[in-house]
Amino acid sequence: LEQACSVALRVAGPLSLPYALALDRLGSLHWTTGRLADAERHLRAALAACEAATGPRSRDTAARLNNLALAVKARGRTAEAAALLERAIEAG
C-alpha cells in the first residue's frame, strides 16, 4: 500500500482523490493492525487531500472523517472522535 501511495502521489498529485484514497487504505490497514499513531497520521493526510480534491461537503470527505474518527477514538480521544463524526454527518 505504501507503493500505491507513492504512485498516486506521483501520478495524481498530493491534493487528489486517488492519493487520498490510497492514504486512507494505508491508514485503515494500520488501524486494523493496532498501529494507531501511524493510522491517525495517514488518515489525517487522507482527509486533507480529500477535502482539497472534493471539498468539505462530499461523501468522500464524510468517509475520510469517519475513518479518522475511528482511529482517534481507538486512541482514547472520544470527544475529538465525536466532533469528527459530527463533521462527517454534515459533510455527507
PDB file of N, CA and C in Angstrom:
ATOM      1  N   LEU A   1       0.808  -1.207   0.000  1.00  0.00           N
ATOM      2  CA  LEU A   1       0.000   0.000   0.000  1.00  0.00           C
ATOM      3  C   LEU A   1       0.847   1.265   0.000  1.00  0.00           C
ATOM      4  N   GLU A   2       2.010   1.197   0.627  1.00  0.00           N
ATOM      5  CA  GLU A   2       2.887   2.366   0.596  1.00  0.00           C
ATOM      6  C   GLU A   2       3.319   2.675  -0.834  1.00  0.00           C
ATOM      7  N   GLN A   3       3.551   1.631  -1.621  1.00  0.00           N
ATOM      8  CA  GLN A   3       3.904   1.832  -3.024  1.00  0.00           C
ATOM      9  C   GLN A   3       2.732   2.446  -3.781  1.00  0.00           C
ATOM     10  N   ALA A   4       1.522   2.022  -3.481  1.00  0.00           N
ATOM     11  CA  ALA A   4       0.338   2.600  -4.122  1.00  0.00           C
ATOM     12  C   ALA A   4       0.213   4.084  -3.787  1.00  0.00           C
ATOM     13  N   CYS A   5       0.540   4.446  -2.557  1.00  0.00           N
ATOM     14  CA  CYS A   5       0.519   5.864  -2.174  1.00  0.00           C
ATOM     15  C   CYS A   5       1.543   6.656  -2.982  1.00  0.00           C
ATOM     16  N   SER A   6       2.721   6.083  -3.137  1.00  0.00           N
ATOM     17  CA  SER A   6       3.764   6.762  -3.908  1.00  0.00           C
ATOM     18  C   SER A   6       3.356   6.961  -5.360  1.00  0.00           C
ATOM     19  N   VAL A   7       2.764   5.947  -5.939  1.00  0.00           N
ATOM     20  CA  VAL A   7       2.319   6.037  -7.335  1.00  0.00           C
ATOM     21  C   VAL A   7       1.211   7.080  -7.464  1.00  0.00           C
ATOM     22  N   ALA A   8       0.227   7.031  -6.572  1.00  0.00           N
ATOM     23  CA  ALA A   8      -0.876   8.001  -6.625  1.00  0.00           C
ATOM     24  C   ALA A   8      -0.364   9.420  -6.442  1.00  0.00           C
ATOM     25  N   LEU A   9       0.588   9.599  -5.550  1.00  0.00           N
ATOM     26  CA  LEU A   9       1.168  10.921  -5.332  1.00  0.00           C
ATOM     27  C   LEU A   9       1.858  11.414  -6.598  1.00  0.00           C
ATOM     28  N   ARG A  10       2.641  10.546  -7.207  1.00  0.00           N
ATOM     29  CA  ARG A  10       3.391  10.926  -8.400  1.00  0.00           C
ATOM     30  C   ARG A  10       2.463  11.184  -9.593  1.00  0.00           C
ATOM     31  N   VAL A  11       1.448  10.353  -9.760  1.00  0.00           N
ATOM     32  CA  VAL A  11       0.581  10.443 -10.928  1.00  0.00           C
ATOM     33  C   VAL A  11      -0.499  11.516 -10.768  1.00  0.00           C
ATOM     34  N   ALA A  12      -1.154  11.537  -9.611  1.00  0.00           N
ATOM     35  CA  ALA A  12      -2.322  12.410  -9.436  1.00  0.00           C
ATOM     36  C   ALA A  12      -2.032  13.669  -8.623  1.00  0.00           C
ATOM     37  N   GLY A  13      -0.988  13.640  -7.809  1.00  0.00           N
ATOM     38  CA  GLY A  13      -0.642  14.808  -7.021  1.00  0.00           C
ATOM     39  C   GLY A  13      -1.098  14.710  -5.576  1.00  0.00           C
ATOM     40  N   PRO A  14      -0.579  15.597  -4.715  1.00  0.00           N
ATOM     41  CA  PRO A  14      -0.820  15.495  -3.281  1.00  0.00           C
ATOM     42  C   PRO A  14      -2.219  15.895  -2.830  1.00  0.00           C
ATOM     43  N   LEU A  15      -2.943  16.607  -3.658  1.00  0.00           N
ATOM     44  CA  LEU A  15      -4.278  17.059  -3.279  1.00  0.00           C
ATOM     45  C   LEU A  15      -5.328  16.446  -4.196  1.00  0.00           C
ATOM     46  N   SER A  16      -5.195  15.146  -4.419  1.00  0.00           N
ATOM     47  CA  SER A  16      -6.085  14.444  -5.348  1.00  0.00           C
ATOM     48  C   SER A  16      -6.847  13.344  -4.621  1.00  0.00           C
ATOM     49  N   LEU A  17      -7.965  12.968  -5.189  1.00  0.00           N
ATOM     50  CA  LEU A  17      -8.757  11.890  -4.616  1.00  0.00           C
ATOM     51  C   LEU A  17      -8.024  10.538  -4.686  1.00  0.00           C
ATOM     52  N   PRO A  18      -7.344  10.191  -5.782  1.00  0.00           N
ATOM     53  CA  PRO A  18      -6.619   8.910  -5.782  1.00  0.00           C
ATOM     54  C   PRO A  18      -5.578   8.825  -4.664  1.00  0.00           C
ATOM     55  N   TYR A  19      -4.881   9.916  -4.424  1.00  0.00           N
ATOM     56  CA  TYR A  19      -3.891   9.926  -3.342  1.00  0.00           C
ATOM     57  C   TYR A  19      -4.589   9.809  -1.995  1.00  0.00           C
ATOM     58  N   ALA A  20      -5.696  10.530  -1.822  1.00  0.00           N
ATOM     59  CA  ALA A  20      -6.448  10.465  -0.566  1.00  0.00           C
ATOM     60  C   ALA A  20      -6.923   9.043  -0.291  1.00  0.00           C
ATOM     61  N   LEU A  21      -7.428   8.370  -1.315  1.00  0.00           N
ATOM     62  CA  LEU A  21      -7.929   7.014  -1.136  1.00  0.00           C
ATOM     63  C   LEU A  21      -6.803   6.032  -0.807  1.00  0.00           C
ATOM     64  N   ALA A  22      -5.656   6.215  -1.432  1.00  0.00           N
ATOM     65  CA  ALA A  22      -4.512   5.347  -1.124  1.00  0.00           C
ATOM     66  C   ALA A  22      -4.056   5.553   0.321  1.00  0.00           C
ATOM     67  N   LEU A  23      -3.980   6.813   0.754  1.00  0.00           N
ATOM     68  CA  LEU A  23      -3.615   7.094   2.143  1.00  0.00           C
ATOM     69  C   LEU A  23      -4.647   6.527   3.109  1.00  0.00           C
ATOM     70  N   ASP A  24      -5.921   6.635   2.748  1.00  0.00           N
ATOM     71  CA  ASP A  24      -6.982   6.119   3.599  1.00  0.00           C
ATOM     72  C   ASP A  24      -6.860   4.602   3.763  1.00  0.00           C
ATOM     73  N   ARG A  25      -6.582   3.913   2.688  1.00  0.00           N
ATOM     74  CA  ARG A  25      -6.425   2.452   2.773  1.00  0.00           C
ATOM     75  C   ARG A  25      -5.227   2.081   3.647  1.00  0.00           C
ATOM     76  N   LEU A  26      -4.131   2.821   3.508  1.00  0.00           N
ATOM     77  CA  LEU A  26      -2.956   2.558   4.325  1.00  0.00           C
ATOM     78  C   LEU A  26      -3.257   2.853   5.797  1.00  0.00           C
ATOM     79  N   GLY A  27      -3.917   3.963   6.050  1.00  0.00           N
ATOM     80  CA  GLY A  27      -4.283   4.287   7.427  1.00  0.00           C
ATOM     81  C   GLY A  27      -5.222   3.263   8.027  1.00  0.00           C
ATOM     82  N   SER A  28      -6.173   2.792   7.243  1.00  0.00           N
ATOM     83  CA  SER A  28      -7.106   1.774   7.731  1.00  0.00           C
ATOM     84  C   SER A  28      -6.389   0.464   8.037  1.00  0.00           C
ATOM     85  N   LEU A  29      -5.419   0.113   7.215  1.00  0.00           N
ATOM     86  CA  LEU A  29      -4.619  -1.081   7.481  1.00  0.00           C
ATOM     87  C   LEU A  29      -3.877  -0.937   8.805  1.00  0.00           C
ATOM     88  N   HIS A  30      -3.268   0.225   9.017  1.00  0.00           N
ATOM     89  CA  HIS A  30      -2.557   0.458  10.282  1.00  0.00           C
ATOM     90  C   HIS A  30      -3.529   0.380  11.461  1.00  0.00           C
ATOM     91  N   TRP A  31      -4.736   0.908  11.286  1.00  0.00           N
ATOM     92  CA  TRP A  31      -5.730   0.867  12.364  1.00  0.00           C
ATOM     93  C   TRP A  31      -6.080  -0.574  12.714  1.00  0.00           C
ATOM     94  N   THR A  32      -6.298  -1.403  11.708  1.00  0.00           N
ATOM     95  CA  THR A  32      -6.693  -2.781  11.973  1.00  0.00           C
ATOM     96  C   THR A  32      -5.564  -3.609  12.571  1.00  0.00           C
ATOM     97  N   THR A  33      -4.330  -3.179  12.363  1.00  0.00           N
ATOM     98  CA  THR A  33      -3.194  -3.915  12.923  1.00  0.00           C
ATOM     99  C   THR A  33      -2.676  -3.285  14.214  1.00  0.00           C
ATOM    100  N   GLY A  34      -3.388  -2.278  14.714  1.00  0.00           N
ATOM    101  CA  GLY A  34      -3.035  -1.696  16.002  1.00  0.00           C
ATOM    102  C   GLY A  34      -1.969  -0.626  15.968  1.00  0.00           C
ATOM    103  N   ARG A  35      -1.558  -0.222  14.803  1.00  0.00           N
ATOM    104  CA  ARG A  35      -0.557   0.852  14.692  1.00  0.00           C
ATOM    105  C   ARG A  35      -1.304   2.189  14.626  1.00  0.00           C
ATOM    106  N   LEU A  36      -1.836   2.592  15.768  1.00  0.00           N
ATOM    107  CA  LEU A  36      -2.795   3.689  15.811  1.00  0.00           C
ATOM    108  C   LEU A  36      -2.189   5.046  15.488  1.00  0.00           C
ATOM    109  N   ALA A  37      -0.976   5.317  15.928  1.00  0.00           N
ATOM    110  CA  ALA A  37      -0.346   6.602  15.609  1.00  0.00           C
ATOM    111  C   ALA A  37      -0.119   6.717  14.102  1.00  0.00           C
ATOM    112  N   ASP A  38       0.363   5.643  13.479  1.00  0.00           N
ATOM    113  CA  ASP A  38       0.545   5.640  12.020  1.00  0.00           C
ATOM    114  C   ASP A  38      -0.795   5.778  11.316  1.00  0.00           C
ATOM    115  N   ALA A  39      -1.809   5.083  11.836  1.00  0.00           N
ATOM    116  CA  ALA A  39      -3.141   5.173  11.241  1.00  0.00           C
ATOM    117  C   ALA A  39      -3.634   6.612  11.271  1.00  0.00           C
ATOM    118  N   GLU A  40      -3.538   7.244  12.414  1.00  0.00           N
ATOM    119  CA  GLU A  40      -4.029   8.620  12.522  1.00  0.00           C
ATOM    120  C   GLU A  40      -3.281   9.558  11.578  1.00  0.00           C
ATOM    121  N   ARG A  41      -1.986   9.395  11.501  1.00  0.00           N
ATOM    122  CA  ARG A  41      -1.178  10.258  10.618  1.00  0.00           C
ATOM    123  C   ARG A  41      -1.625  10.116   9.167  1.00  0.00           C
ATOM    124  N   HIS A  42      -1.786   8.893   8.706  1.00  0.00           N
ATOM    125  CA  HIS A  42      -2.194   8.678   7.316  1.00  0.00           C
ATOM    126  C   HIS A  42      -3.643   9.110   7.072  1.00  0.00           C
ATOM    127  N   LEU A  43      -4.505   8.858   8.035  1.00  0.00           N
ATOM    128  CA  LEU A  43      -5.910   9.227   7.862  1.00  0.00           C
ATOM    129  C   LEU A  43      -6.096  10.746   7.882  1.00  0.00           C
ATOM    130  N   ARG A  44      -5.303  11.462   8.672  1.00  0.00           N
ATOM    131  CA  ARG A  44      -5.363  12.933   8.637  1.00  0.00           C
ATOM    132  C   ARG A  44      -4.887  13.464   7.278  1.00  0.00           C
ATOM    133  N   ALA A  45      -3.833  12.863   6.761  1.00  0.00           N
ATOM    134  CA  ALA A  45      -3.344  13.272   5.442  1.00  0.00           C
ATOM    135  C   ALA A  45      -4.373  12.941   4.360  1.00  0.00           C
ATOM    136  N   ALA A  46      -5.037  11.798   4.493  1.00  0.00           N
ATOM    137  CA  ALA A  46      -6.080  11.417   3.542  1.00  0.00           C
ATOM    138  C   ALA A  46      -7.226  12.417   3.573  1.00  0.00           C
ATOM    139  N   LEU A  47      -7.620  12.821   4.762  1.00  0.00           N
ATOM    140  CA  LEU A  47      -8.698  13.796   4.897  1.00  0.00           C
ATOM    141  C   LEU A  47      -8.307  15.117   4.240  1.00  0.00           C
ATOM    142  N   ALA A  48      -7.106  15.590   4.485  1.00  0.00           N
ATOM    143  CA  ALA A  48      -6.658  16.866   3.905  1.00  0.00           C
ATOM    144  C   ALA A  48      -6.667  16.798   2.376  1.00  0.00           C
ATOM    145  N   ALA A  49      -6.146  15.713   1.818  1.00  0.00           N
ATOM    146  CA  ALA A  49      -6.120  15.564   0.363  1.00  0.00           C
ATOM    147  C   ALA A  49      -7.534  15.462  -0.196  1.00  0.00           C
ATOM    148  N   CYS A  50      -8.388  14.727   0.495  1.00  0.00           N
ATOM    149  CA  CYS A  50      -9.761  14.550   0.026  1.00  0.00           C
ATOM    150  C   CYS A  50     -10.528  15.865   0.061  1.00  0.00           C
ATOM    151  N   GLU A  51     -10.395  16.618   1.151  1.00  0.00           N
ATOM    152  CA  GLU A  51     -11.085  17.905   1.233  1.00  0.00           C
ATOM    153  C   GLU A  51     -10.615  18.851   0.133  1.00  0.00           C
ATOM    154  N   ALA A  52      -9.321  18.817  -0.170  1.00  0.00           N
ATOM    155  CA  ALA A  52      -8.798  19.667  -1.238  1.00  0.00           C
ATOM    156  C   ALA A  52      -9.350  19.235  -2.600  1.00  0.00           C
ATOM    157  N   ALA A  53      -9.518  17.932  -2.777  1.00  0.00           N
ATOM    158  CA  ALA A  53      -9.959  17.415  -4.074  1.00  0.00           C
ATOM    159  C   ALA A  53     -11.470  17.507  -4.269  1.00  0.00           C
ATOM    160  N   THR A  54     -12.238  17.247  -3.207  1.00  0.00           N
ATOM    161  CA  THR A  54     -13.691  17.129  -3.377  1.00  0.00           C
ATOM    162  C   THR A  54     -14.481  18.166  -2.587  1.00  0.00           C
ATOM    163  N   GLY A  55     -13.808  18.920  -1.722  1.00  0.00           N
ATOM    164  CA  GLY A  55     -14.490  19.907  -0.901  1.00  0.00           C
ATOM    165  C   GLY A  55     -14.891  19.335   0.452  1.00  0.00           C
ATOM    166  N   PRO A  56     -15.276  20.216   1.373  1.00  0.00           N
ATOM    167  CA  PRO A  56     -15.594  19.766   2.729  1.00  0.00           C
ATOM    168  C   PRO A  56     -16.940  19.062   2.852  1.00  0.00           C
ATOM    169  N   ARG A  57     -17.786  19.174   1.840  1.00  0.00           N
ATOM    170  CA  ARG A  57     -19.121  18.553   1.898  1.00  0.00           C
ATOM    171  C   ARG A  57     -19.291  17.577   0.739  1.00  0.00           C
ATOM    172  N   SER A  58     -18.677  16.427   0.903  1.00  0.00           N
ATOM    173  CA  SER A  58     -18.817  15.365  -0.096  1.00  0.00           C
ATOM    174  C   SER A  58     -18.854  14.027   0.624  1.00  0.00           C
ATOM    175  N   ARG A  59     -19.369  13.032  -0.047  1.00  0.00           N
ATOM    176  CA  ARG A  59     -19.406  11.692   0.548  1.00  0.00           C
ATOM    177  C   ARG A  59     -18.005  11.155   0.781  1.00  0.00           C
ATOM    178  N   ASP A  60     -17.091  11.494  -0.118  1.00  0.00           N
ATOM    179  CA  ASP A  60     -15.709  11.048   0.060  1.00  0.00           C
ATOM    180  C   ASP A  60     -15.113  11.659   1.325  1.00  0.00           C
ATOM    181  N   THR A  61     -15.341  12.946   1.536  1.00  0.00           N
ATOM    182  CA  THR A  61     -14.842  13.605   2.742  1.00  0.00           C
ATOM    183  C   THR A  61     -15.506  13.007   3.976  1.00  0.00           C
ATOM    184  N   ALA A  62     -16.799  12.743   3.912  1.00  0.00           N
ATOM    185  CA  ALA A  62     -17.505  12.143   5.043  1.00  0.00           C
ATOM    186  C   ALA A  62     -16.897  10.787   5.413  1.00  0.00           C
ATOM    187  N   ALA A  63     -16.561  10.001   4.416  1.00  0.00           N
ATOM    188  CA  ALA A  63     -15.958   8.693   4.680  1.00  0.00           C
ATOM    189  C   ALA A  63     -14.584   8.831   5.319  1.00  0.00           C
ATOM    190  N   ARG A  64     -13.784   9.799   4.854  1.00  0.00           N
ATOM    191  CA  ARG A  64     -12.462  10.020   5.452  1.00  0.00           C
ATOM    192  C   ARG A  64     -12.597  10.498   6.900  1.00  0.00           C
ATOM    193  N   LEU A  65     -13.568  11.372   7.170  1.00  0.00           N
ATOM    194  CA  LEU A  65     -13.815  11.844   8.537  1.00  0.00           C
ATOM    195  C   LEU A  65     -14.213  10.690   9.442  1.00  0.00           C
ATOM    196  N   ASN A  66     -15.064   9.807   8.936  1.00  0.00           N
ATOM    197  CA  ASN A  66     -15.496   8.653   9.716  1.00  0.00           C
ATOM    198  C   ASN A  66     -14.306   7.763  10.071  1.00  0.00           C
ATOM    199  N   ASN A  67     -13.464   7.476   9.107  1.00  0.00           N
ATOM    200  CA  ASN A  67     -12.314   6.606   9.364  1.00  0.00           C
ATOM    201  C   ASN A  67     -11.345   7.246  10.353  1.00  0.00           C
ATOM    202  N   LEU A  68     -11.130   8.543  10.215  1.00  0.00           N
ATOM    203  CA  LEU A  68     -10.269   9.238  11.167  1.00  0.00           C
ATOM    204  C   LEU A  68     -10.881   9.194  12.566  1.00  0.00           C
ATOM    205  N   ALA A  69     -12.183   9.364  12.663  1.00  0.00           N
ATOM    206  CA  ALA A  69     -12.854   9.314  13.969  1.00  0.00           C
ATOM    207  C   ALA A  69     -12.634   7.962  14.645  1.00  0.00           C
ATOM    208  N   LEU A  70     -12.675   6.881  13.882  1.00  0.00           N
ATOM    209  CA  LEU A  70     -12.439   5.553  14.457  1.00  0.00           C
ATOM    210  C   LEU A  70     -11.030   5.442  15.042  1.00  0.00           C
ATOM    211  N   ALA A  71     -10.057   5.954  14.318  1.00  0.00           N
ATOM    212  CA  ALA A  71      -8.673   5.895  14.802  1.00  0.00           C
ATOM    213  C   ALA A  71      -8.479   6.770  16.032  1.00  0.00           C
ATOM    214  N   VAL A  72      -9.066   7.946  16.016  1.00  0.00           N
ATOM    215  CA  VAL A  72      -8.943   8.865  17.152  1.00  0.00           C
ATOM    216  C   VAL A  72      -9.616   8.266  18.385  1.00  0.00           C
ATOM    217  N   LYS A  73     -10.782   7.677  18.193  1.00  0.00           N
ATOM    218  CA  LYS A  73     -11.482   7.032  19.321  1.00  0.00           C
ATOM    219  C   LYS A  73     -10.653   5.882  19.879  1.00  0.00           C
ATOM    220  N   ALA A  74     -10.037   5.105  19.002  1.00  0.00           N
ATOM    221  CA  ALA A  74      -9.206   3.989  19.445  1.00  0.00           C
ATOM    222  C   ALA A  74      -8.014   4.458  20.270  1.00  0.00           C
ATOM    223  N   ARG A  75      -7.622   5.707  20.080  1.00  0.00           N
ATOM    224  CA  ARG A  75      -6.522   6.273  20.862  1.00  0.00           C
ATOM    225  C   ARG A  75      -7.023   6.939  22.137  1.00  0.00           C
ATOM    226  N   GLY A  76      -8.333   6.803  22.396  1.00  0.00           N
ATOM    227  CA  GLY A  76      -8.881   7.285  23.651  1.00  0.00           C
ATOM    228  C   GLY A  76      -9.366   8.714  23.659  1.00  0.00           C
ATOM    229  N   ARG A  77      -9.441   9.355  22.508  1.00  0.00           N
ATOM    230  CA  ARG A  77      -9.855  10.759  22.434  1.00  0.00           C
ATOM    231  C   ARG A  77     -11.310  10.812  21.934  1.00  0.00           C
ATOM    232  N   THR A  78     -12.210  10.447  22.829  1.00  0.00           N
ATOM    233  CA  THR A  78     -13.618  10.295  22.485  1.00  0.00           C
ATOM    234  C   THR A  78     -14.270  11.598  22.054  1.00  0.00           C
ATOM    235  N   ALA A  79     -13.992  12.679  22.749  1.00  0.00           N
ATOM    236  CA  ALA A  79     -14.611  13.964  22.399  1.00  0.00           C
ATOM    237  C   ALA A  79     -14.186  14.410  21.000  1.00  0.00           C
ATOM    238  N   GLU A  80     -12.924  14.246  20.677  1.00  0.00           N
ATOM    239  CA  GLU A  80     -12.447  14.603  19.338  1.00  0.00           C
ATOM    240  C   GLU A  80     -13.092  13.709  18.286  1.00  0.00           C
ATOM    241  N   ALA A  81     -13.214  12.420  18.591  1.00  0.00           N
ATOM    242  CA  ALA A  81     -13.858  11.484  17.662  1.00  0.00           C
ATOM    243  C   ALA A  81     -15.311  11.883  17.418  1.00  0.00           C
ATOM    244  N   ALA A  82     -16.005  12.290  18.471  1.00  0.00           N
ATOM    245  CA  ALA A  82     -17.405  12.707  18.319  1.00  0.00           C
ATOM    246  C   ALA A  82     -17.510  13.929  17.421  1.00  0.00           C
ATOM    247  N   ALA A  83     -16.591  14.878  17.586  1.00  0.00           N
ATOM    248  CA  ALA A  83     -16.602  16.077  16.734  1.00  0.00           C
ATOM    249  C   ALA A  83     -16.341  15.717  15.276  1.00  0.00           C
ATOM    250  N   LEU A  84     -15.445  14.778  15.038  1.00  0.00           N
ATOM    251  CA  LEU A  84     -15.178  14.328  13.667  1.00  0.00           C
ATOM    252  C   LEU A  84     -16.403  13.649  13.065  1.00  0.00           C
ATOM    253  N   LEU A  85     -17.104  12.866  13.868  1.00  0.00           N
ATOM    254  CA  LEU A  85     -18.307  12.200  13.375  1.00  0.00           C
ATOM    255  C   LEU A  85     -19.410  13.220  13.063  1.00  0.00           C
ATOM    256  N   GLU A  86     -19.505  14.262  13.860  1.00  0.00           N
ATOM    257  CA  GLU A  86     -20.475  15.325  13.562  1.00  0.00           C
ATOM    258  C   GLU A  86     -20.149  15.985  12.229  1.00  0.00           C
ATOM    259  N   ARG A  87     -18.854  16.240  11.997  1.00  0.00           N
ATOM    260  CA  ARG A  87     -18.431  16.796  10.705  1.00  0.00           C
ATOM    261  C   ARG A  87     -18.768  15.851   9.566  1.00  0.00           C
ATOM    262  N   ALA A  88     -18.601  14.547   9.801  1.00  0.00           N
ATOM    263  CA  ALA A  88     -18.892  13.549   8.773  1.00  0.00           C
ATOM    264  C   ALA A  88     -20.370  13.585   8.399  1.00  0.00           C
ATOM    265  N   ILE A  89     -21.225  13.699   9.398  1.00  0.00           N
ATOM    266  CA  ILE A  89     -22.664  13.767   9.131  1.00  0.00           C
ATOM    267  C   ILE A  89     -22.999  15.005   8.307  1.00  0.00           C
ATOM    268  N   GLU A  90     -22.400  16.135   8.660  1.00  0.00           N
ATOM    269  CA  GLU A  90     -22.630  17.370   7.909  1.00  0.00           C
ATOM    270  C   GLU A  90     -22.080  17.290   6.492  1.00  0.00           C
ATOM    271  N   ALA A  91     -20.976  16.584   6.325  1.00  0.00           N
ATOM    272  CA  ALA A  91     -20.315  16.515   5.020  1.00  0.00           C
ATOM    273  C   ALA A  91     -21.062  15.630   4.036  1.00  0.00           C
ATOM    274  N   GLY A  92     -21.655  14.568   4.540  1.00  0.00           N
ATOM    275  CA  GLY A  92     -22.139  13.599   3.598  1.00  0.00           C
ATOM    276  C   GLY A  92     -23.575  13.355   3.531  1.00  0.00           C
TER     277      GLY A  92
END
